[in-house]
């Protein structure tokens, strides 16, 4: 993933030194992330991956196969679409999850606050703003919505393993057209398979920054062609495809998830290359809920929520025991992986 560390300095002024502060935070986070970056590189070597990690993963899948939940036809369709194309689009109305009205009411408040913050001089250089930990703690109904039974069952069936819930990220993407952060084509590193459930909070058309993912056959070709977890700008990806006339037209190789406010997107961001298309006409607000297995491939790339472990524990204690298990997975994680410090680089750092 390319990171332009100097971009904030373009906005440096004698009366506004905050860009310099943000640059310092980026550098510190990058240094703190070195142990997890090194561990991820080791895990990505062919020998470690194929001889150790993959056999363990396949064994977990086999042992849990008879414990998977039964899904009705509509939910099974969602799981199958994620498996086949990496993405499935539905809506809050179709899912009919309890407490959705509370989710939307709280989200509207945070969206308004982020919109106001995006216009302040101190955030002039930011392409993406995220809800702070304090904002999320003030509206716990958003966090709890991600633990709805229907979503957990769909995710569990798709993963084939018990589900770990990694909380959420609340994004406000500024319509500046920049290719940076989550707008770069990339794959996530947390696990072999993972699911993010995105909820659009405003109407999103092609100029409003829709979530996009690469179609299945082309995605397989990319994984076989590129170095592991290589990130690319859209121009770089298009140039790569230009050499193959069958993939040059974007309609042949990407899914663009446009939709009204209330659109819900289930997607596997570990298996499939994806990005948020840079918005150029209207800002985009969306919540992404994060899920992976309770035995993730790279546990040190998990728990990257803005919430501290204490804040997460406070929320966990408000849940019944069966839901607490989705948040306490690290306590039972085997091996040295649980002790490696987590990665601190987030999309608002890139």
Protein backbone atom coordinates (compact mmCIF):
# COMPACT_ATOMS: atom_id res chain seq x y z
CA UNK A 1 0.00 0.00 0.00
CA UNK A 2 1.52 3.33 -1.04
CA UNK A 3 1.43 6.01 1.63
CA UNK A 4 2.13 9.65 0.79
CA UNK A 5 3.46 10.80 4.15
CA UNK A 6 4.21 14.30 2.87
CA UNK A 7 0.70 15.09 1.63
CA UNK A 8 -0.40 16.71 4.94
CA UNK A 9 2.54 19.13 4.74
CA UNK A 10 1.02 20.70 1.62
CA UNK A 11 -1.58 22.16 4.00
CA UNK A 12 0.93 23.36 6.59
CA UNK A 13 0.50 27.03 7.50
CA UNK A 14 2.06 29.21 10.26
CA UNK A 15 -1.34 29.41 11.96
CA UNK A 16 -2.14 25.72 11.45
CA UNK A 17 0.46 23.18 12.57
CA UNK A 18 -2.01 20.30 12.90
CA UNK A 19 -0.88 18.67 9.62
CA UNK A 20 2.58 18.31 11.17
CA UNK A 21 0.99 16.65 14.21
CA UNK A 22 -0.95 14.23 11.98
CA UNK A 23 2.25 13.38 10.10
CA UNK A 24 3.96 12.60 13.40
CA UNK A 25 1.10 10.29 14.38
CA UNK A 26 1.45 8.44 11.06
CA UNK A 27 5.16 7.89 11.57
CA UNK A 28 4.65 6.69 15.16
CA UNK A 29 1.88 4.30 14.09
CA UNK A 30 4.10 2.93 11.34
CA UNK A 31 6.90 2.27 13.82
CA UNK A 32 4.51 0.62 16.28
CA UNK A 33 3.27 -1.58 13.44
CA UNK A 34 6.70 -2.97 12.54
CA UNK A 35 6.33 -6.21 14.61
CA UNK A 36 3.00 -7.05 12.97
CA UNK A 37 4.32 -6.12 9.51
CA UNK A 38 7.27 -8.47 9.97
CA UNK A 39 5.04 -11.26 11.30
CA UNK A 40 2.68 -10.85 8.34
CA UNK A 41 5.57 -11.16 5.89
CA UNK A 42 6.68 -14.37 7.60
CA UNK A 43 3.12 -15.74 7.48
CA UNK A 44 2.95 -14.88 3.77
CA UNK A 45 6.02 -16.88 2.77
CA UNK A 46 5.08 -19.92 0.72
CA UNK A 47 6.62 -22.45 3.10
CA UNK A 48 4.95 -21.12 6.28
CA UNK A 49 1.64 -20.59 4.55
CA UNK A 50 1.45 -23.92 2.72
CA UNK A 51 3.17 -26.18 5.27
CA UNK A 52 1.83 -24.79 8.55
CA UNK A 53 -0.98 -22.25 8.34
CA UNK A 54 -3.08 -23.72 5.52
CA UNK A 55 -3.18 -27.30 6.94
CA UNK A 56 -4.24 -25.87 10.33
CA UNK A 57 -6.96 -23.82 8.68
CA UNK A 58 -8.26 -26.80 6.70
CA UNK A 59 -8.33 -28.87 9.87
CA UNK A 60 -10.41 -26.20 11.65
CA UNK A 61 -12.87 -26.19 8.73
CA UNK A 62 -13.24 -29.97 8.79
CA UNK A 63 -13.85 -30.11 12.55
CA UNK A 64 -16.51 -27.42 12.44
CA UNK A 65 -18.36 -28.55 9.33
CA UNK A 66 -21.18 -30.28 11.21
CA UNK A 67 -21.79 -27.28 13.48
CA UNK A 68 -22.70 -24.72 10.83
CA UNK A 69 -26.08 -22.96 11.16
CA UNK A 70 -29.00 -23.67 8.85
CA UNK A 71 -29.93 -20.71 6.65
CA UNK A 72 -33.19 -19.89 4.93
CA UNK A 73 -33.22 -19.40 1.16
CA UNK A 74 -32.59 -15.65 1.14
CA UNK A 75 -29.68 -15.81 3.59
CA UNK A 76 -28.19 -18.82 1.82
CA UNK A 77 -28.27 -16.78 -1.40
CA UNK A 78 -26.24 -14.03 0.28
CA UNK A 79 -23.61 -16.52 1.48
CA UNK A 80 -23.41 -18.15 -1.95
CA UNK A 81 -23.04 -14.81 -3.72
CA UNK A 82 -20.15 -13.86 -1.44
CA UNK A 83 -18.50 -17.20 -2.20
CA UNK A 84 -18.94 -16.87 -5.96
CA UNK A 85 -18.40 -13.15 -6.59
CA UNK A 86 -17.12 -11.73 -3.32
CA UNK A 87 -20.10 -9.43 -2.88
CA UNK A 88 -23.84 -9.57 -2.21
CA UNK A 89 -26.09 -6.51 -2.16
CA UNK A 90 -29.27 -6.25 -0.10
CA UNK A 91 -30.90 -3.58 2.08
CA UNK A 92 -31.78 -2.74 5.66
CA UNK A 93 -35.44 -3.13 4.74
CA UNK A 94 -34.90 -6.64 3.36
CA UNK A 95 -32.81 -7.75 6.34
CA UNK A 96 -35.37 -6.39 8.84
CA UNK A 97 -32.89 -6.52 11.72
CA UNK A 98 -34.22 -5.38 15.12
CA UNK A 99 -33.04 -1.97 16.38
CA UNK A 100 -32.26 -0.73 12.87
CA UNK A 101 -34.09 2.54 13.53
CA UNK A 102 -31.81 3.18 16.51
CA UNK A 103 -28.80 2.46 14.30
CA UNK A 104 -29.91 4.99 11.69
CA UNK A 105 -30.78 7.66 14.24
CA UNK A 106 -27.37 7.40 15.90
CA UNK A 107 -25.57 7.21 12.55
CA UNK A 108 -27.25 10.38 11.35
CA UNK A 109 -25.90 12.29 14.35
CA UNK A 110 -22.35 11.07 13.79
CA UNK A 111 -22.57 11.71 10.04
CA UNK A 112 -23.53 15.34 10.69
CA UNK A 113 -20.63 15.76 13.13
CA UNK A 114 -18.12 14.27 10.65
CA UNK A 115 -19.40 16.48 7.84
CA UNK A 116 -18.80 19.54 10.00
CA UNK A 117 -15.34 18.30 11.00
CA UNK A 118 -14.38 17.66 7.36
CA UNK A 119 -14.78 21.37 6.61
CA UNK A 120 -12.46 22.54 9.38
CA UNK A 121 -8.92 23.71 8.43
CA UNK A 122 -7.37 21.06 10.69
CA UNK A 123 -8.83 18.31 8.48
CA UNK A 124 -8.30 19.93 5.08
CA UNK A 125 -5.78 17.26 4.05
CA UNK A 126 -7.87 14.23 5.04
CA UNK A 127 -9.53 12.13 2.33
CA UNK A 128 -11.32 9.97 4.92
CA UNK A 129 -12.59 10.82 8.39
CA UNK A 130 -13.55 8.20 10.94
CA UNK A 131 -15.88 8.39 13.90
CA UNK A 132 -13.85 8.67 17.09
CA UNK A 133 -13.93 6.19 19.94
CA UNK A 134 -15.86 8.70 22.03
CA UNK A 135 -18.49 9.08 19.32
CA UNK A 136 -18.89 5.30 19.05
CA UNK A 137 -19.10 4.88 22.82
CA UNK A 138 -21.78 7.57 22.95
CA UNK A 139 -23.87 5.49 20.55
CA UNK A 140 -23.32 1.81 21.53
CA UNK A 141 -26.44 0.81 19.58
CA UNK A 142 -24.32 0.97 16.42
CA UNK A 143 -21.78 -1.48 17.83
CA UNK A 144 -24.48 -3.83 19.10
CA UNK A 145 -26.32 -3.84 15.75
CA UNK A 146 -23.36 -5.69 14.25
CA UNK A 147 -24.06 -8.61 16.60
CA UNK A 148 -27.52 -9.31 15.23
CA UNK A 149 -28.31 -13.02 15.00
CA UNK A 150 -29.14 -12.94 11.30
CA UNK A 151 -25.84 -11.36 10.28
CA UNK A 152 -23.79 -13.64 12.53
CA UNK A 153 -25.41 -16.75 11.04
CA UNK A 154 -24.76 -15.64 7.46
CA UNK A 155 -21.14 -14.84 8.27
CA UNK A 156 -20.60 -18.10 10.19
CA UNK A 157 -22.01 -20.16 7.34
CA UNK A 158 -19.79 -18.38 4.82
CA UNK A 159 -16.60 -18.58 6.91
CA UNK A 160 -17.26 -22.18 7.91
CA UNK A 161 -15.97 -21.36 11.40
CA UNK A 162 -17.04 -19.61 14.63
CA UNK A 163 -17.26 -15.85 14.10
CA UNK A 164 -15.11 -13.16 15.68
CA UNK A 165 -16.63 -9.67 15.66
CA UNK A 166 -14.07 -6.89 15.24
CA UNK A 167 -16.44 -4.00 15.74
CA UNK A 168 -16.92 -1.34 13.11
CA UNK A 169 -15.46 1.57 11.24
CA UNK A 170 -17.63 4.61 10.54
CA UNK A 171 -16.26 6.38 7.45
CA UNK A 172 -16.92 9.82 6.03
CA UNK A 173 -15.25 9.98 2.59
CA UNK A 174 -14.65 13.46 1.21
CA UNK A 175 -15.43 14.10 -2.47
CA UNK A 176 -11.91 15.12 -3.45
CA UNK A 177 -11.16 12.45 -6.07
CA UNK A 178 -7.92 11.38 -4.37
CA UNK A 179 -6.57 7.86 -4.82
CA UNK A 180 -5.40 7.10 -1.29
CA UNK A 181 -6.13 4.90 1.70
CA UNK A 182 -9.15 2.63 1.15
CA UNK A 183 -9.47 4.03 -2.39
CA UNK A 184 -6.46 1.94 -3.46
CA UNK A 185 -7.20 -1.56 -4.79
CA UNK A 186 -6.12 -3.98 -2.06
CA UNK A 187 -6.92 -7.13 -0.08
CA UNK A 188 -7.19 -7.27 3.71
CA UNK A 189 -4.75 -9.41 5.69
CA UNK A 190 -6.71 -10.49 8.76
CA UNK A 191 -7.76 -13.98 7.68
CA UNK A 192 -8.13 -16.47 4.83
CA UNK A 193 -11.75 -15.39 4.48
CA UNK A 194 -13.48 -12.50 6.20
CA UNK A 195 -16.66 -10.50 5.81
CA UNK A 196 -17.37 -6.81 6.00
CA UNK A 197 -20.97 -5.64 6.07
CA UNK A 198 -21.27 -2.11 4.71
CA UNK A 199 -24.30 0.12 5.28
CA UNK A 200 -24.68 3.21 3.08
CA UNK A 201 -26.00 6.20 5.01
CA UNK A 202 -26.61 8.33 1.92
CA UNK A 203 -27.43 7.65 -1.73
CA UNK A 204 -24.29 6.51 -3.57
CA UNK A 205 -24.00 6.66 -7.36
CA UNK A 206 -20.91 6.25 -9.56
CA UNK A 207 -19.73 9.77 -8.68
CA UNK A 208 -20.38 9.30 -4.98
CA UNK A 209 -17.69 6.76 -4.13
CA UNK A 210 -19.32 3.31 -4.36
CA UNK A 211 -17.68 0.23 -2.91
CA UNK A 212 -16.08 -1.77 -5.73
CA UNK A 213 -14.65 -5.28 -5.94
CA UNK A 214 -12.93 -7.26 -8.68
CA UNK A 215 -14.94 -10.04 -10.30
CA UNK A 216 -14.07 -13.62 -9.44
CA UNK A 217 -12.17 -14.86 -12.49
CA UNK A 218 -10.16 -11.66 -12.81
CA UNK A 219 -9.48 -11.65 -9.06
CA UNK A 220 -7.96 -15.13 -9.32
CA UNK A 221 -5.72 -13.90 -12.13
CA UNK A 222 -4.61 -10.90 -10.06
CA UNK A 223 -3.72 -13.03 -7.03
CA UNK A 224 -1.68 -15.35 -9.25
CA UNK A 225 0.02 -12.43 -11.02
CA UNK A 226 0.79 -9.89 -8.28
CA UNK A 227 3.01 -10.12 -5.18
CA UNK A 228 0.91 -11.03 -2.13
CA UNK A 229 -1.22 -8.19 -0.81
CA UNK A 230 0.14 -5.75 -3.38
CA UNK A 231 -1.94 -2.56 -3.51
CA UNK A 232 -2.52 -0.66 -6.76
CA UNK A 233 -4.09 2.59 -7.85
CA UNK A 234 -6.95 2.33 -10.32
CA UNK A 235 -4.67 3.62 -13.09
CA UNK A 236 -2.08 0.94 -12.33
CA UNK A 237 -4.74 -1.76 -12.34
CA UNK A 238 -6.23 -0.51 -15.60
CA UNK A 239 -2.78 -0.46 -17.21
CA UNK A 240 -2.29 -4.04 -16.07
CA UNK A 241 -5.54 -5.01 -17.78
CA UNK A 242 -4.85 -3.00 -20.93
CA UNK A 243 -2.39 -5.70 -21.96
CA UNK A 244 -5.32 -8.14 -21.94
CA UNK A 245 -8.06 -6.92 -24.28
CA UNK A 246 -10.57 -9.22 -22.60
CA UNK A 247 -10.23 -7.30 -19.34
CA UNK A 248 -9.68 -3.74 -20.56
CA UNK A 249 -13.33 -2.67 -20.19
CA UNK A 250 -14.10 -2.16 -16.50
CA UNK A 251 -17.53 -3.78 -16.88
CA UNK A 252 -15.69 -7.06 -17.47
CA UNK A 253 -13.66 -6.98 -14.29
CA UNK A 254 -15.35 -5.06 -11.48
CA UNK A 255 -18.54 -4.92 -9.45
CA UNK A 256 -19.56 -1.37 -8.56
CA UNK A 257 -22.02 -1.28 -5.66
CA UNK A 258 -24.20 1.79 -6.20
CA UNK A 259 -27.35 2.12 -4.11
CA UNK A 260 -29.72 4.23 -2.09
CA UNK A 261 -29.28 5.08 1.58
CA UNK A 262 -29.91 1.84 3.49
CA UNK A 263 -28.13 -0.34 0.94
CA UNK A 264 -26.25 -3.19 2.66
CA UNK A 265 -23.23 -4.89 1.11
CA UNK A 266 -21.81 -8.22 2.29
CA UNK A 267 -18.28 -8.65 0.95
CA UNK A 268 -15.14 -10.74 1.47
CA UNK A 269 -12.32 -8.22 1.63
CA UNK A 270 -9.61 -10.83 2.27
CA UNK A 271 -10.16 -12.99 -0.82
CA UNK A 272 -11.13 -10.23 -3.25
CA UNK A 273 -9.39 -7.08 -4.39
CA UNK A 274 -11.59 -4.12 -3.52
CA UNK A 275 -11.65 -0.38 -2.90
CA UNK A 276 -13.88 2.58 -2.22
CA UNK A 277 -14.07 4.47 -5.50
CA UNK A 278 -12.89 8.06 -4.90
CA UNK A 279 -16.01 10.24 -4.62
CA UNK A 280 -15.86 13.31 -6.84
CA UNK A 281 -19.37 14.78 -6.66
CA UNK A 282 -20.82 14.02 -3.23
CA UNK A 283 -19.30 12.93 0.08
CA UNK A 284 -20.07 9.37 1.16
CA UNK A 285 -20.96 8.10 4.64
CA UNK A 286 -20.93 4.39 5.42
CA UNK A 287 -20.49 2.01 8.33
CA UNK A 288 -18.41 -1.14 7.85
CA UNK A 289 -18.89 -3.99 10.35
CA UNK A 290 -15.94 -6.42 10.49
CA UNK A 291 -15.97 -10.21 10.91
CA UNK A 292 -13.43 -13.03 10.62
CA UNK A 293 -12.95 -16.46 12.19
CA UNK A 294 -11.95 -16.97 15.82
CA UNK A 295 -8.69 -18.47 14.51
CA UNK A 296 -7.61 -15.70 12.10
CA UNK A 297 -4.54 -16.14 9.95
CA UNK A 298 -2.98 -12.85 11.10
CA UNK A 299 -4.40 -11.99 14.55
CA UNK A 300 -2.06 -9.00 14.82
CA UNK A 301 -3.95 -7.36 11.94
CA UNK A 302 -7.19 -7.69 13.88
CA UNK A 303 -8.54 -5.48 16.68
CA UNK A 304 -7.80 -2.30 14.75
CA UNK A 305 -10.98 -0.60 15.83
CA UNK A 306 -10.63 2.90 17.27
CA UNK A 307 -12.06 1.50 20.50
CA UNK A 308 -9.51 0.63 23.16
CA UNK A 309 -9.53 -2.85 24.67
CA UNK A 310 -11.04 -1.38 27.83
CA UNK A 311 -13.84 0.27 25.86
CA UNK A 312 -14.48 -2.96 23.97
CA UNK A 313 -14.52 -4.86 27.27
CA UNK A 314 -17.06 -2.38 28.69
CA UNK A 315 -19.35 -3.03 25.72
CA UNK A 316 -18.74 -6.78 25.88
CA UNK A 317 -19.81 -6.91 29.53
CA UNK A 318 -23.24 -5.59 28.52
CA UNK A 319 -23.84 -8.63 26.30
CA UNK A 320 -25.15 -12.13 27.08
CA UNK A 321 -22.45 -14.86 27.26
CA UNK A 322 -23.24 -16.31 23.83
CA UNK A 323 -22.51 -12.94 22.18
CA UNK A 324 -19.49 -12.20 24.35
CA UNK A 325 -17.76 -15.17 22.74
CA UNK A 326 -17.61 -13.30 19.42
CA UNK A 327 -15.47 -10.61 21.07
CA UNK A 328 -13.30 -12.69 23.41
CA UNK A 329 -11.68 -14.85 20.70
CA UNK A 330 -8.14 -13.62 21.44
CA UNK A 331 -8.25 -15.14 24.94
CA UNK A 332 -8.34 -18.61 23.38
CA UNK A 333 -6.05 -17.98 20.40
CA UNK A 334 -3.24 -20.57 20.36
CA UNK A 335 0.45 -19.88 19.85
CA UNK A 336 2.60 -16.78 19.80
CA UNK A 337 0.30 -14.84 17.47
CA UNK A 338 -1.85 -13.56 20.34
CA UNK A 339 1.15 -11.78 21.88
CA UNK A 340 2.36 -9.87 18.81
CA UNK A 341 1.23 -6.20 19.08
CA UNK A 342 -1.56 -5.25 16.73
CA UNK A 343 -1.03 -3.20 13.59
CA UNK A 344 -1.84 0.49 14.07
CA UNK A 345 -2.14 1.65 10.46
CA UNK A 346 -5.74 2.61 9.63
CA UNK A 347 -7.26 4.08 6.50
CA UNK A 348 -7.16 7.60 7.91
CA UNK A 349 -3.38 7.13 8.35
CA UNK A 350 -2.73 6.15 4.72
